[in-house]
C-alpha atoms as a PDB file:
ATOM      1  CA  UNK A   1      -0.016  -0.011   0.210  1.00  0.00           C
ATOM      2  CA  UNK A   2       2.949   2.454  -0.114  1.00  0.00           C
ATOM      3  CA  UNK A   3       3.707   5.155  -2.615  1.00  0.00           C
ATOM      4  CA  UNK A   4       6.603   7.176  -3.802  1.00  0.00           C
ATOM      5  CA  UNK A   5       6.697  10.870  -4.223  1.00  0.00           C
ATOM      6  CA  UNK A   6       8.971  10.933  -7.323  1.00  0.00           C
ATOM      7  CA  UNK A   7       8.914  14.671  -8.138  1.00  0.00           C
ATOM      8  CA  UNK A   8       7.927  17.811  -6.571  1.00  0.00           C
ATOM      9  CA  UNK A   9       7.458  21.029  -8.548  1.00  0.00           C
ATOM     10  CA  UNK A  10       6.700  24.415  -6.823  1.00  0.00           C
ATOM     11  CA  UNK A  11       5.969  27.757  -8.534  1.00  0.00           C
ATOM     12  CA  UNK A  12       5.830  31.087  -6.672  1.00  0.00           C
ATOM     13  CA  UNK A  13       5.744  29.796  -3.170  1.00  0.00           C
ATOM     14  CA  UNK A  14       7.408  31.357  -0.376  1.00  0.00           C
ATOM     15  CA  UNK A  15      10.973  31.466  -1.329  1.00  0.00           C
ATOM     16  CA  UNK A  16      10.555  29.538  -4.547  1.00  0.00           C
ATOM     17  CA  UNK A  17       9.913  31.095  -7.918  1.00  0.00           C
ATOM     18  CA  UNK A  18      10.297  27.831  -9.533  1.00  0.00           C
ATOM     19  CA  UNK A  19      11.783  24.553  -8.039  1.00  0.00           C
ATOM     20  CA  UNK A  20      11.888  21.038  -9.438  1.00  0.00           C
ATOM     21  CA  UNK A  21      13.172  18.233  -7.532  1.00  0.00           C
ATOM     22  CA  UNK A  22      13.500  14.569  -8.404  1.00  0.00           C
ATOM     23  CA  UNK A  23      13.184  12.391  -5.210  1.00  0.00           C
ATOM     24  CA  UNK A  24      13.878   8.742  -4.598  1.00  0.00           C
ATOM     25  CA  UNK A  25      13.175   6.228  -1.420  1.00  0.00           C
ATOM     26  CA  UNK A  26      15.952   7.720   0.368  1.00  0.00           C
ATOM     27  CA  UNK A  27      15.891  11.499  -0.360  1.00  0.00           C
ATOM     28  CA  UNK A  28      17.471  13.744   2.293  1.00  0.00           C
ATOM     29  CA  UNK A  29      16.837  17.563   2.851  1.00  0.00           C
ATOM     30  CA  UNK A  30      20.111  19.491   3.732  1.00  0.00           C
ATOM     31  CA  UNK A  31      20.933  23.010   3.861  1.00  0.00           C
ATOM     32  CA  UNK A  32      21.660  26.086   5.945  1.00  0.00           C
ATOM     33  CA  UNK A  33      19.257  27.913   7.976  1.00  0.00           C
ATOM     34  CA  UNK A  34      16.693  29.942   5.930  1.00  0.00           C
ATOM     35  CA  UNK A  35      17.513  27.965   2.659  1.00  0.00           C
ATOM     36  CA  UNK A  36      13.782  26.885   2.081  1.00  0.00           C
ATOM     37  CA  UNK A  37      13.706  23.011   3.544  1.00  0.00           C
ATOM     38  CA  UNK A  38      10.841  24.046   5.697  1.00  0.00           C
ATOM     39  CA  UNK A  39       9.203  25.677   2.910  1.00  0.00           C
ATOM     40  CA  UNK A  40       9.519  22.748   0.568  1.00  0.00           C
ATOM     41  CA  UNK A  41       8.233  20.513   3.161  1.00  0.00           C
ATOM     42  CA  UNK A  42       5.354  22.924   3.461  1.00  0.00           C
ATOM     43  CA  UNK A  43       4.592  22.925   0.217  1.00  0.00           C
ATOM     44  CA  UNK A  44       4.362  19.350  -0.001  1.00  0.00           C
ATOM     45  CA  UNK A  45       1.935  19.081   2.991  1.00  0.00           C
ATOM     46  CA  UNK A  46      -0.250  21.778   1.455  1.00  0.00           C
ATOM     47  CA  UNK A  47      -0.523  19.669  -1.633  1.00  0.00           C
ATOM     48  CA  UNK A  48      -2.062  16.877   0.388  1.00  0.00           C
ATOM     49  CA  UNK A  49      -4.430  19.372   2.421  1.00  0.00           C
ATOM     50  CA  UNK A  50      -8.019  19.881   1.418  1.00  0.00           C
ATOM     51  CA  UNK A  51      -9.427  23.435   1.545  1.00  0.00           C
ATOM     52  CA  UNK A  52      -6.794  25.409   3.049  1.00  0.00           C
ATOM     53  CA  UNK A  53      -6.894  29.117   2.542  1.00  0.00           C
ATOM     54  CA  UNK A  54      -3.654  30.298   1.259  1.00  0.00           C
ATOM     55  CA  UNK A  55      -2.842  33.823   2.104  1.00  0.00           C
ATOM     56  CA  UNK A  56      -1.066  36.623  -0.459  1.00  0.00           C
ATOM     57  CA  UNK A  57       2.071  36.760   2.148  1.00  0.00           C
ATOM     58  CA  UNK A  58       2.818  32.937   0.735  1.00  0.00           C
ATOM     59  CA  UNK A  59       3.172  34.020  -2.980  1.00  0.00           C
ATOM     60  CA  UNK A  60       6.813  34.672  -4.104  1.00  0.00           C
ATOM     61  CA  UNK A  61       7.499  38.181  -5.566  1.00  0.00           C
ATOM     62  CA  UNK A  62      10.753  39.519  -6.761  1.00  0.00           C
ATOM     63  CA  UNK A  63      12.414  42.612  -5.133  1.00  0.00           C
ATOM     64  CA  UNK A  64      10.337  45.545  -6.090  1.00  0.00           C
ATOM     65  CA  UNK A  65       7.564  43.466  -8.038  1.00  0.00           C
ATOM     66  CA  UNK A  66       4.024  44.257  -7.642  1.00  0.00           C
ATOM     67  CA  UNK A  67       1.935  41.591  -6.791  1.00  0.00           C
ATOM     68  CA  UNK A  68      -0.364  40.692  -9.637  1.00  0.00           C
ATOM     69  CA  UNK A  69      -3.716  39.245  -8.729  1.00  0.00           C
ATOM     70  CA  UNK A  70      -3.545  36.789 -11.449  1.00  0.00           C
ATOM     71  CA  UNK A  71      -0.151  35.249 -10.231  1.00  0.00           C
ATOM     72  CA  UNK A  72      -0.530  31.716  -8.801  1.00  0.00           C
ATOM     73  CA  UNK A  73       0.773  29.062  -6.476  1.00  0.00           C
ATOM     74  CA  UNK A  74       1.377  25.869  -8.163  1.00  0.00           C
ATOM     75  CA  UNK A  75       2.559  22.795  -6.445  1.00  0.00           C
ATOM     76  CA  UNK A  76       2.668  19.426  -8.517  1.00  0.00           C
ATOM     77  CA  UNK A  77       3.596  16.326  -7.245  1.00  0.00           C
ATOM     78  CA  UNK A  78       4.130  13.075  -9.076  1.00  0.00           C
ATOM     79  CA  UNK A  79       3.224  10.026  -7.113  1.00  0.00           C
ATOM     80  CA  UNK A  80       3.997   6.688  -8.086  1.00  0.00           C
ATOM     81  CA  UNK A  81       2.605   3.313  -6.096  1.00  0.00           C
ATOM     82  CA  UNK A  82       5.309   1.143  -4.911  1.00  0.00           C
ATOM     83  CA  UNK A  83       3.448  -1.856  -6.542  1.00  0.00           C
ATOM     84  CA  UNK A  84       2.243  -2.003 -10.121  1.00  0.00           C
ATOM     85  CA  UNK A  85      -0.961   0.058  -9.432  1.00  0.00           C
ATOM     86  CA  UNK A  86      -2.544   2.044  -6.681  1.00  0.00           C
ATOM     87  CA  UNK A  87      -4.763  -0.333  -4.075  1.00  0.00           C
ATOM     88  CA  UNK A  88      -8.186   0.738  -3.653  1.00  0.00           C
ATOM     89  CA  UNK A  89      -7.374   2.802  -0.655  1.00  0.00           C
ATOM     90  CA  UNK A  90      -5.091   5.116  -2.241  1.00  0.00           C
ATOM     91  CA  UNK A  91      -7.318   5.157  -5.594  1.00  0.00           C
ATOM     92  CA  UNK A  92     -10.421   6.476  -3.117  1.00  0.00           C
ATOM     93  CA  UNK A  93      -8.010   9.046  -1.695  1.00  0.00           C
ATOM     94  CA  UNK A  94      -6.769  10.450  -4.760  1.00  0.00           C
ATOM     95  CA  UNK A  95      -9.851   9.936  -6.901  1.00  0.00           C
ATOM     96  CA  UNK A  96     -13.177   9.842  -5.008  1.00  0.00           C
ATOM     97  CA  UNK A  97     -12.925  12.293  -1.976  1.00  0.00           C
ATOM     98  CA  UNK A  98     -15.178  15.022  -1.805  1.00  0.00           C
END
């Protein structure tokens, strides 16, 4: 019943304007303080949380940039089953929850 988070793509979230990360079964996050480790994990958590309101303060903006109301946060997660296919529990979680 396991899954593997294979890839994480983040756009315009906190300190990340654009980030693509490939992961494997034993990925490890290392970095200096204030490098974005927690922001990456929060983005991953956000992608699995339903109905969470996002404040404008979480949108990445460049220095001296004025926030455009059309700017979006995009968090894209590629998930693979550990077996040949997702079992019924995962299928219901991803496809059928309302």
